[in-house]
């Protein structure tokens, strides 16, 4: 019974976590492990996640639900190299907004 209560408590707190709260939690973890992912929050509303997240450790991008931070089902994770290959005629390195357009496609 105690285990069930603990699991429900964890699930409730995890599902209601805002981006800024998750970011603070991960920054504490990063003090012990440099490879901990720190989520990117929306500038105008730090409770929300940015639709495009980036992990510098493995140079990968993925799209998330802005409310929950959970990975989107409609776009597979991709690397910067993959994006550059698909846009080989581009004269410059893509900006965040260029990459984010992949998250907006459904």
N, C-alpha and C. Protein backbone atom coordinates (compact mmCIF):
# COMPACT_ATOMS: atom_id res chain seq x y z
N UNK A 1 0.82 -1.19 0.00
CA UNK A 1 0.00 0.00 0.00
C UNK A 1 0.87 1.26 0.00
N UNK A 2 1.94 1.24 0.81
CA UNK A 2 2.83 2.39 0.87
C UNK A 2 3.49 2.62 -0.49
N UNK A 3 3.84 1.52 -1.17
CA UNK A 3 4.46 1.62 -2.48
C UNK A 3 3.49 2.25 -3.48
N UNK A 4 2.24 1.85 -3.43
CA UNK A 4 1.24 2.42 -4.33
C UNK A 4 1.08 3.92 -4.09
N UNK A 5 1.05 4.32 -2.85
CA UNK A 5 0.93 5.74 -2.51
C UNK A 5 2.15 6.50 -3.03
N UNK A 6 3.32 5.93 -2.85
CA UNK A 6 4.55 6.56 -3.33
C UNK A 6 4.52 6.71 -4.85
N UNK A 7 4.12 5.68 -5.55
CA UNK A 7 4.05 5.72 -7.02
C UNK A 7 3.06 6.78 -7.47
N UNK A 8 1.89 6.83 -6.85
CA UNK A 8 0.90 7.85 -7.21
C UNK A 8 1.41 9.25 -6.93
N UNK A 9 2.11 9.43 -5.83
CA UNK A 9 2.69 10.73 -5.50
C UNK A 9 3.70 11.16 -6.55
N UNK A 10 4.56 10.24 -6.95
CA UNK A 10 5.58 10.55 -7.96
C UNK A 10 4.93 10.88 -9.29
N UNK A 11 3.95 10.08 -9.70
CA UNK A 11 3.28 10.32 -10.98
C UNK A 11 2.55 11.66 -10.97
N UNK A 12 1.89 11.97 -9.88
CA UNK A 12 1.16 13.23 -9.80
C UNK A 12 2.12 14.41 -9.86
N UNK A 13 3.20 14.35 -9.13
CA UNK A 13 4.16 15.45 -9.12
C UNK A 13 4.89 15.55 -10.45
N UNK A 14 5.20 14.44 -11.07
CA UNK A 14 5.90 14.47 -12.36
C UNK A 14 5.00 15.05 -13.44
N UNK A 15 3.75 14.62 -13.46
CA UNK A 15 2.87 15.07 -14.53
C UNK A 15 2.51 16.55 -14.40
N UNK A 16 2.60 17.10 -13.20
CA UNK A 16 2.26 18.50 -12.99
C UNK A 16 3.49 19.40 -12.91
N UNK A 17 4.63 18.85 -13.19
CA UNK A 17 5.87 19.64 -13.11
C UNK A 17 5.92 20.65 -14.25
N UNK A 18 6.26 21.86 -13.91
CA UNK A 18 6.44 22.88 -14.93
C UNK A 18 7.86 22.78 -15.46
N UNK A 19 8.10 23.41 -16.58
CA UNK A 19 9.43 23.38 -17.17
C UNK A 19 10.46 23.98 -16.22
N UNK A 20 10.14 25.13 -15.65
CA UNK A 20 11.10 25.80 -14.79
C UNK A 20 11.41 24.96 -13.55
N UNK A 21 10.40 24.27 -13.01
CA UNK A 21 10.62 23.39 -11.86
C UNK A 21 11.50 22.21 -12.25
N UNK A 22 11.23 21.63 -13.42
CA UNK A 22 12.04 20.50 -13.90
C UNK A 22 13.47 20.95 -14.18
N UNK A 23 13.61 22.12 -14.73
CA UNK A 23 14.94 22.67 -15.03
C UNK A 23 15.76 22.84 -13.75
N UNK A 24 15.14 23.36 -12.71
CA UNK A 24 15.84 23.53 -11.42
C UNK A 24 16.25 22.18 -10.85
N UNK A 25 15.35 21.21 -10.93
CA UNK A 25 15.64 19.86 -10.42
C UNK A 25 16.83 19.24 -11.17
N UNK A 26 16.84 19.39 -12.49
CA UNK A 26 17.90 18.80 -13.30
C UNK A 26 19.24 19.52 -13.08
N UNK A 27 19.21 20.82 -12.80
CA UNK A 27 20.45 21.55 -12.53
C UNK A 27 21.11 21.05 -11.25
N UNK A 28 20.30 20.67 -10.28
CA UNK A 28 20.84 20.09 -9.04
C UNK A 28 21.49 18.74 -9.36
N UNK A 29 20.82 17.92 -10.18
CA UNK A 29 21.39 16.62 -10.58
C UNK A 29 22.68 16.81 -11.37
N UNK A 30 22.76 17.89 -12.14
CA UNK A 30 23.93 18.13 -12.99
C UNK A 30 25.19 18.34 -12.15
N UNK A 31 25.05 18.73 -10.90
CA UNK A 31 26.20 18.91 -10.03
C UNK A 31 26.92 17.58 -9.79
N UNK A 32 26.17 16.46 -9.91
CA UNK A 32 26.75 15.13 -9.74
C UNK A 32 27.06 14.45 -11.07
N UNK A 33 26.33 14.83 -12.11
CA UNK A 33 26.47 14.19 -13.42
C UNK A 33 26.39 15.25 -14.51
N UNK A 34 27.49 15.52 -15.17
CA UNK A 34 27.54 16.57 -16.18
C UNK A 34 26.66 16.29 -17.39
N UNK A 35 26.27 15.05 -17.61
CA UNK A 35 25.52 14.68 -18.81
C UNK A 35 24.01 14.67 -18.58
N UNK A 36 23.54 15.29 -17.52
CA UNK A 36 22.11 15.38 -17.25
C UNK A 36 21.51 16.40 -18.22
N UNK A 37 20.38 16.04 -18.82
CA UNK A 37 19.71 16.95 -19.74
C UNK A 37 18.95 18.02 -18.96
N UNK A 38 19.14 19.27 -19.34
CA UNK A 38 18.43 20.41 -18.74
C UNK A 38 17.41 20.90 -19.77
N UNK A 39 16.11 20.82 -19.47
CA UNK A 39 15.12 21.25 -20.46
C UNK A 39 15.19 22.74 -20.76
N UNK A 40 14.75 23.10 -21.95
CA UNK A 40 14.73 24.49 -22.40
C UNK A 40 13.30 25.00 -22.24
N UNK A 41 13.13 26.05 -21.46
CA UNK A 41 11.80 26.61 -21.19
C UNK A 41 11.50 27.77 -22.13
N UNK A 42 10.23 28.01 -22.31
CA UNK A 42 9.77 29.13 -23.12
C UNK A 42 10.17 30.45 -22.43
N UNK A 43 10.64 31.40 -23.20
CA UNK A 43 11.09 32.67 -22.62
C UNK A 43 9.94 33.49 -22.05
N UNK A 44 8.81 33.51 -22.74
CA UNK A 44 7.70 34.34 -22.29
C UNK A 44 6.88 33.69 -21.18
N UNK A 45 6.92 32.36 -21.10
CA UNK A 45 6.22 31.64 -20.03
C UNK A 45 7.08 30.46 -19.60
N UNK A 46 7.93 30.64 -18.59
CA UNK A 46 8.87 29.58 -18.18
C UNK A 46 8.21 28.32 -17.63
N UNK A 47 6.89 28.34 -17.43
CA UNK A 47 6.22 27.11 -17.02
C UNK A 47 6.10 26.14 -18.19
N UNK A 48 6.17 26.67 -19.42
CA UNK A 48 6.04 25.85 -20.62
C UNK A 48 7.41 25.49 -21.18
N UNK A 49 7.46 24.36 -21.88
CA UNK A 49 8.67 23.92 -22.56
C UNK A 49 8.73 24.53 -23.95
N UNK A 50 9.92 24.74 -24.45
CA UNK A 50 10.04 25.11 -25.86
C UNK A 50 9.73 23.86 -26.68
N UNK A 51 9.08 24.02 -27.83
CA UNK A 51 8.69 22.85 -28.63
C UNK A 51 9.88 22.02 -29.10
N UNK A 52 11.02 22.65 -29.27
CA UNK A 52 12.21 21.95 -29.73
C UNK A 52 13.22 21.90 -28.58
N UNK A 53 13.63 20.70 -28.23
CA UNK A 53 14.63 20.52 -27.17
C UNK A 53 15.93 20.03 -27.81
N UNK A 54 17.04 20.30 -27.13
CA UNK A 54 18.37 19.98 -27.67
C UNK A 54 19.24 19.41 -26.56
N UNK A 55 19.95 18.33 -26.87
CA UNK A 55 20.89 17.74 -25.93
C UNK A 55 22.29 17.90 -26.51
N UNK A 56 23.10 18.76 -25.90
CA UNK A 56 24.43 19.04 -26.41
C UNK A 56 25.35 17.83 -26.31
N UNK A 57 25.10 16.95 -25.35
CA UNK A 57 25.97 15.79 -25.15
C UNK A 57 26.00 14.88 -26.38
N UNK A 58 24.86 14.70 -27.03
CA UNK A 58 24.83 13.85 -28.23
C UNK A 58 24.33 14.60 -29.47
N UNK A 59 24.25 15.92 -29.37
CA UNK A 59 23.85 16.79 -30.48
C UNK A 59 22.55 16.35 -31.13
N UNK A 60 21.57 16.00 -30.31
CA UNK A 60 20.29 15.59 -30.87
C UNK A 60 19.19 16.57 -30.51
N UNK A 61 18.22 16.65 -31.40
CA UNK A 61 17.05 17.50 -31.23
C UNK A 61 15.82 16.60 -31.20
N UNK A 62 14.78 17.05 -30.50
CA UNK A 62 13.51 16.36 -30.55
C UNK A 62 12.41 17.35 -30.20
N UNK A 63 11.22 17.03 -30.63
CA UNK A 63 10.06 17.89 -30.38
C UNK A 63 9.32 17.38 -29.16
N UNK A 64 8.75 18.32 -28.41
CA UNK A 64 8.01 17.95 -27.20
C UNK A 64 6.68 18.67 -27.15
N UNK A 65 5.80 18.15 -26.32
CA UNK A 65 4.56 18.85 -25.99
C UNK A 65 4.95 20.01 -25.07
N UNK A 66 4.51 21.21 -25.38
CA UNK A 66 4.95 22.39 -24.62
C UNK A 66 4.44 22.38 -23.18
N UNK A 67 3.36 21.69 -22.91
CA UNK A 67 2.81 21.64 -21.55
C UNK A 67 3.48 20.60 -20.67
N UNK A 68 3.74 19.43 -21.22
CA UNK A 68 4.27 18.32 -20.41
C UNK A 68 5.77 18.09 -20.58
N UNK A 69 6.34 18.52 -21.71
CA UNK A 69 7.74 18.24 -21.98
C UNK A 69 7.99 16.84 -22.52
N UNK A 70 6.92 16.08 -22.74
CA UNK A 70 7.07 14.71 -23.25
C UNK A 70 7.29 14.74 -24.75
N UNK A 71 8.12 13.80 -25.22
CA UNK A 71 8.44 13.74 -26.65
C UNK A 71 7.20 13.58 -27.49
N UNK A 72 7.18 14.31 -28.60
CA UNK A 72 6.07 14.22 -29.55
C UNK A 72 6.18 12.93 -30.34
N UNK A 73 5.04 12.38 -30.65
CA UNK A 73 5.00 11.16 -31.45
C UNK A 73 5.15 11.44 -32.94
N UNK A 74 4.82 12.66 -33.37
CA UNK A 74 4.73 12.93 -34.81
C UNK A 74 6.07 13.29 -35.45
N UNK A 75 7.12 13.51 -34.67
CA UNK A 75 8.43 13.84 -35.25
C UNK A 75 9.50 13.01 -34.56
N UNK A 76 10.27 12.28 -35.34
CA UNK A 76 11.36 11.49 -34.78
C UNK A 76 12.50 12.41 -34.36
N UNK A 77 13.23 12.04 -33.30
CA UNK A 77 14.42 12.83 -32.94
C UNK A 77 15.38 12.91 -34.13
N UNK A 78 16.14 13.98 -34.21
CA UNK A 78 17.06 14.16 -35.33
C UNK A 78 18.31 14.88 -34.87
N UNK A 79 19.36 14.74 -35.65
CA UNK A 79 20.63 15.41 -35.32
C UNK A 79 20.79 16.64 -36.20
N UNK A 80 21.68 17.51 -35.81
CA UNK A 80 21.98 18.69 -36.61
C UNK A 80 22.51 18.27 -37.98
N UNK A 81 23.32 17.22 -38.00
CA UNK A 81 23.85 16.70 -39.26
C UNK A 81 22.75 16.26 -40.21
N UNK A 82 21.74 15.56 -39.67
CA UNK A 82 20.59 15.13 -40.48
C UNK A 82 19.89 16.34 -41.08
N UNK A 83 19.68 17.36 -40.26
CA UNK A 83 18.99 18.56 -40.73
C UNK A 83 19.80 19.23 -41.83
N UNK A 84 21.11 19.35 -41.64
CA UNK A 84 21.97 20.00 -42.62
C UNK A 84 21.97 19.24 -43.95
N UNK A 85 21.98 17.90 -43.89
CA UNK A 85 21.94 17.10 -45.12
C UNK A 85 20.65 17.35 -45.91
N UNK A 86 19.54 17.49 -45.19
CA UNK A 86 18.26 17.71 -45.86
C UNK A 86 18.16 19.12 -46.44
N UNK A 87 18.99 20.02 -45.96
CA UNK A 87 18.96 21.41 -46.41
C UNK A 87 20.35 21.82 -46.92
N UNK A 88 20.91 20.99 -47.78
CA UNK A 88 22.31 21.20 -48.20
C UNK A 88 22.52 22.47 -49.01
N UNK A 89 21.46 23.04 -49.55
CA UNK A 89 21.60 24.28 -50.32
C UNK A 89 21.62 25.53 -49.43
N UNK A 90 21.37 25.35 -48.14
CA UNK A 90 21.40 26.48 -47.22
C UNK A 90 22.82 27.01 -47.10
N UNK A 91 23.01 28.31 -47.17
CA UNK A 91 24.35 28.88 -47.09
C UNK A 91 24.90 28.98 -45.66
N UNK A 92 24.02 28.86 -44.65
CA UNK A 92 24.50 29.06 -43.27
C UNK A 92 23.94 28.00 -42.34
N UNK A 93 24.47 27.97 -41.14
CA UNK A 93 23.98 27.05 -40.12
C UNK A 93 22.57 27.48 -39.72
N UNK A 94 21.65 26.54 -39.55
CA UNK A 94 20.28 26.90 -39.24
C UNK A 94 20.14 27.53 -37.87
N UNK A 95 19.18 28.41 -37.76
CA UNK A 95 18.85 29.01 -36.48
C UNK A 95 17.82 28.12 -35.79
N UNK A 96 17.64 28.36 -34.49
CA UNK A 96 16.68 27.57 -33.71
C UNK A 96 15.30 27.59 -34.36
N UNK A 97 14.86 28.74 -34.85
CA UNK A 97 13.53 28.84 -35.46
C UNK A 97 13.41 27.98 -36.71
N UNK A 98 14.51 27.84 -37.46
CA UNK A 98 14.49 26.96 -38.64
C UNK A 98 14.27 25.51 -38.23
N UNK A 99 14.96 25.11 -37.17
CA UNK A 99 14.84 23.73 -36.70
C UNK A 99 13.46 23.50 -36.08
N UNK A 100 12.94 24.50 -35.41
CA UNK A 100 11.66 24.37 -34.72
C UNK A 100 10.52 24.13 -35.69
N UNK A 101 10.67 24.53 -36.95
CA UNK A 101 9.59 24.32 -37.92
C UNK A 101 9.25 22.83 -38.06
N UNK A 102 10.23 21.96 -37.79
CA UNK A 102 9.94 20.52 -37.85
C UNK A 102 8.94 20.12 -36.79
N UNK A 103 8.94 20.80 -35.66
CA UNK A 103 8.01 20.47 -34.58
C UNK A 103 6.60 20.92 -34.89
N UNK A 104 6.47 21.92 -35.74
CA UNK A 104 5.16 22.45 -36.06
C UNK A 104 4.43 21.62 -37.11
N UNK A 105 5.15 20.75 -37.82
CA UNK A 105 4.53 19.92 -38.84
C UNK A 105 3.89 18.71 -38.19
N UNK A 106 2.67 18.43 -38.57
CA UNK A 106 1.97 17.26 -38.01
C UNK A 106 1.43 16.40 -39.12
